[in-house]
């Protein structure tokens, strides 16, 4: 089970992800990200991972794509924090070293 919600305030737009981040839901997240990036009008865009219970390899790849595209994250537990740090290191590598 998986759910994507959008929360909007004058200062930011937040994509709230809940459940298991696995295929085919990863495509839904990428689509929601592209849609949420439109018409930000100076607001910040944040991806909230606090209620994600499992992240598959496909989910990691999706988060990596979003991160390299400029996504900022609100993270959940220790493992999610570790995963995001690992992905951030990969994202900073030159394309030839990925």
C-alpha atoms as a PDB file:
ATOM      1  CA  UNK A   1       0.000   0.000   0.000  1.00  0.00           C
ATOM      2  CA  UNK A   2       1.241   3.482  -0.860  1.00  0.00           C
ATOM      3  CA  UNK A   3      -0.099   7.027  -0.761  1.00  0.00           C
ATOM      4  CA  UNK A   4       1.164  10.368  -2.130  1.00  0.00           C
ATOM      5  CA  UNK A   5      -0.381  13.586  -0.818  1.00  0.00           C
ATOM      6  CA  UNK A   6       0.418  17.229  -1.457  1.00  0.00           C
ATOM      7  CA  UNK A   7       0.337  19.798   1.326  1.00  0.00           C
ATOM      8  CA  UNK A   8       0.540  23.464   0.396  1.00  0.00           C
ATOM      9  CA  UNK A   9       1.315  26.590   2.410  1.00  0.00           C
ATOM     10  CA  UNK A  10       2.387  30.067   1.304  1.00  0.00           C
ATOM     11  CA  UNK A  11       6.054  29.110   1.908  1.00  0.00           C
ATOM     12  CA  UNK A  12       6.323  25.536   0.653  1.00  0.00           C
ATOM     13  CA  UNK A  13       4.743  22.616  -1.114  1.00  0.00           C
ATOM     14  CA  UNK A  14       5.266  19.198   0.451  1.00  0.00           C
ATOM     15  CA  UNK A  15       4.895  15.772  -1.116  1.00  0.00           C
ATOM     16  CA  UNK A  16       3.970  13.396   1.706  1.00  0.00           C
ATOM     17  CA  UNK A  17       4.834   9.761   0.969  1.00  0.00           C
ATOM     18  CA  UNK A  18       3.285   6.994   3.078  1.00  0.00           C
ATOM     19  CA  UNK A  19       3.732   3.235   2.973  1.00  0.00           C
ATOM     20  CA  UNK A  20       6.074   1.083   0.908  1.00  0.00           C
ATOM     21  CA  UNK A  21       8.116   2.844  -1.770  1.00  0.00           C
ATOM     22  CA  UNK A  22       8.369   0.021  -4.332  1.00  0.00           C
ATOM     23  CA  UNK A  23       7.566  -0.413  -8.021  1.00  0.00           C
ATOM     24  CA  UNK A  24       5.076   0.504  -9.474  1.00  0.00           C
ATOM     25  CA  UNK A  25       4.602   3.320  -6.937  1.00  0.00           C
ATOM     26  CA  UNK A  26       8.016   4.754  -7.777  1.00  0.00           C
ATOM     27  CA  UNK A  27       6.673   5.958 -11.123  1.00  0.00           C
ATOM     28  CA  UNK A  28       3.802   7.641  -9.289  1.00  0.00           C
ATOM     29  CA  UNK A  29       6.302   9.479  -7.054  1.00  0.00           C
ATOM     30  CA  UNK A  30       8.316  10.701 -10.036  1.00  0.00           C
ATOM     31  CA  UNK A  31       5.132  11.898 -11.726  1.00  0.00           C
ATOM     32  CA  UNK A  32       3.981  13.668  -8.545  1.00  0.00           C
ATOM     33  CA  UNK A  33       7.434  15.299  -8.242  1.00  0.00           C
ATOM     34  CA  UNK A  34       7.319  16.650 -11.800  1.00  0.00           C
ATOM     35  CA  UNK A  35       3.791  17.939 -11.258  1.00  0.00           C
ATOM     36  CA  UNK A  36       4.623  19.515  -7.880  1.00  0.00           C
ATOM     37  CA  UNK A  37       7.612  21.380  -9.366  1.00  0.00           C
ATOM     38  CA  UNK A  38       5.294  23.314 -11.658  1.00  0.00           C
ATOM     39  CA  UNK A  39       4.119  26.720 -10.485  1.00  0.00           C
ATOM     40  CA  UNK A  40       6.079  26.836  -7.222  1.00  0.00           C
ATOM     41  CA  UNK A  41       6.150  30.643  -7.412  1.00  0.00           C
ATOM     42  CA  UNK A  42       9.146  30.924  -5.093  1.00  0.00           C
ATOM     43  CA  UNK A  43       7.998  28.282  -2.612  1.00  0.00           C
ATOM     44  CA  UNK A  44      10.220  25.423  -1.444  1.00  0.00           C
ATOM     45  CA  UNK A  45       9.415  21.865  -2.459  1.00  0.00           C
ATOM     46  CA  UNK A  46      10.000  19.165   0.163  1.00  0.00           C
ATOM     47  CA  UNK A  47       9.496  15.382   0.023  1.00  0.00           C
ATOM     48  CA  UNK A  48       8.319  14.019   3.398  1.00  0.00           C
ATOM     49  CA  UNK A  49       9.546  10.455   4.048  1.00  0.00           C
ATOM     50  CA  UNK A  50       8.565  10.189   7.723  1.00  0.00           C
ATOM     51  CA  UNK A  51       5.758   7.687   7.047  1.00  0.00           C
ATOM     52  CA  UNK A  52       7.588   5.506   4.516  1.00  0.00           C
ATOM     53  CA  UNK A  53       7.906   2.010   5.953  1.00  0.00           C
ATOM     54  CA  UNK A  54      10.015   0.299   3.263  1.00  0.00           C
ATOM     55  CA  UNK A  55      12.215   1.500   0.396  1.00  0.00           C
ATOM     56  CA  UNK A  56      13.126  -1.014  -2.325  1.00  0.00           C
ATOM     57  CA  UNK A  57      15.996  -0.721  -4.796  1.00  0.00           C
ATOM     58  CA  UNK A  58      13.583   0.955  -7.229  1.00  0.00           C
ATOM     59  CA  UNK A  59      12.590   3.331  -4.441  1.00  0.00           C
ATOM     60  CA  UNK A  60      16.246   4.187  -3.774  1.00  0.00           C
ATOM     61  CA  UNK A  61      16.748   4.914  -7.467  1.00  0.00           C
ATOM     62  CA  UNK A  62      13.699   7.172  -7.477  1.00  0.00           C
ATOM     63  CA  UNK A  63      14.903   9.094  -4.424  1.00  0.00           C
ATOM     64  CA  UNK A  64      18.337   9.390  -6.037  1.00  0.00           C
ATOM     65  CA  UNK A  65      16.779  10.847  -9.201  1.00  0.00           C
ATOM     66  CA  UNK A  66      14.738  13.335  -7.185  1.00  0.00           C
ATOM     67  CA  UNK A  67      17.743  14.296  -5.057  1.00  0.00           C
ATOM     68  CA  UNK A  68      19.942  14.938  -8.093  1.00  0.00           C
ATOM     69  CA  UNK A  69      17.059  17.009  -9.487  1.00  0.00           C
ATOM     70  CA  UNK A  70      17.140  19.214  -6.376  1.00  0.00           C
ATOM     71  CA  UNK A  71      14.680  17.540  -3.985  1.00  0.00           C
ATOM     72  CA  UNK A  72      14.935  18.300  -0.276  1.00  0.00           C
ATOM     73  CA  UNK A  73      13.695  15.679   2.172  1.00  0.00           C
ATOM     74  CA  UNK A  74      12.069  15.460   5.575  1.00  0.00           C
ATOM     75  CA  UNK A  75      13.340  12.126   6.764  1.00  0.00           C
ATOM     76  CA  UNK A  76      12.065   9.530   9.131  1.00  0.00           C
ATOM     77  CA  UNK A  77      14.091   6.977  11.030  1.00  0.00           C
ATOM     78  CA  UNK A  78      17.774   6.166  11.268  1.00  0.00           C
ATOM     79  CA  UNK A  79      17.817   3.903   8.205  1.00  0.00           C
ATOM     80  CA  UNK A  80      16.126   6.515   6.017  1.00  0.00           C
ATOM     81  CA  UNK A  81      18.605   9.127   7.235  1.00  0.00           C
ATOM     82  CA  UNK A  82      21.501   6.790   6.387  1.00  0.00           C
ATOM     83  CA  UNK A  83      20.046   6.037   2.939  1.00  0.00           C
ATOM     84  CA  UNK A  84      19.652   9.745   2.144  1.00  0.00           C
ATOM     85  CA  UNK A  85      23.256  10.446   3.192  1.00  0.00           C
ATOM     86  CA  UNK A  86      24.473   7.609   0.957  1.00  0.00           C
ATOM     87  CA  UNK A  87      22.415   8.887  -1.971  1.00  0.00           C
ATOM     88  CA  UNK A  88      23.674  12.439  -1.398  1.00  0.00           C
ATOM     89  CA  UNK A  89      27.272  11.232  -1.679  1.00  0.00           C
ATOM     90  CA  UNK A  90      26.428   9.437  -4.940  1.00  0.00           C
ATOM     91  CA  UNK A  91      24.592  12.475  -6.275  1.00  0.00           C
ATOM     92  CA  UNK A  92      27.673  14.668  -5.785  1.00  0.00           C
ATOM     93  CA  UNK A  93      29.925  12.290  -7.755  1.00  0.00           C
ATOM     94  CA  UNK A  94      30.772  13.155 -11.344  1.00  0.00           C
ATOM     95  CA  UNK A  95      28.653  11.242 -13.888  1.00  0.00           C
ATOM     96  CA  UNK A  96      31.619   9.036 -14.859  1.00  0.00           C
ATOM     97  CA  UNK A  97      31.966   7.691 -11.304  1.00  0.00           C
ATOM     98  CA  UNK A  98      28.294   6.819 -10.648  1.00  0.00           C
END
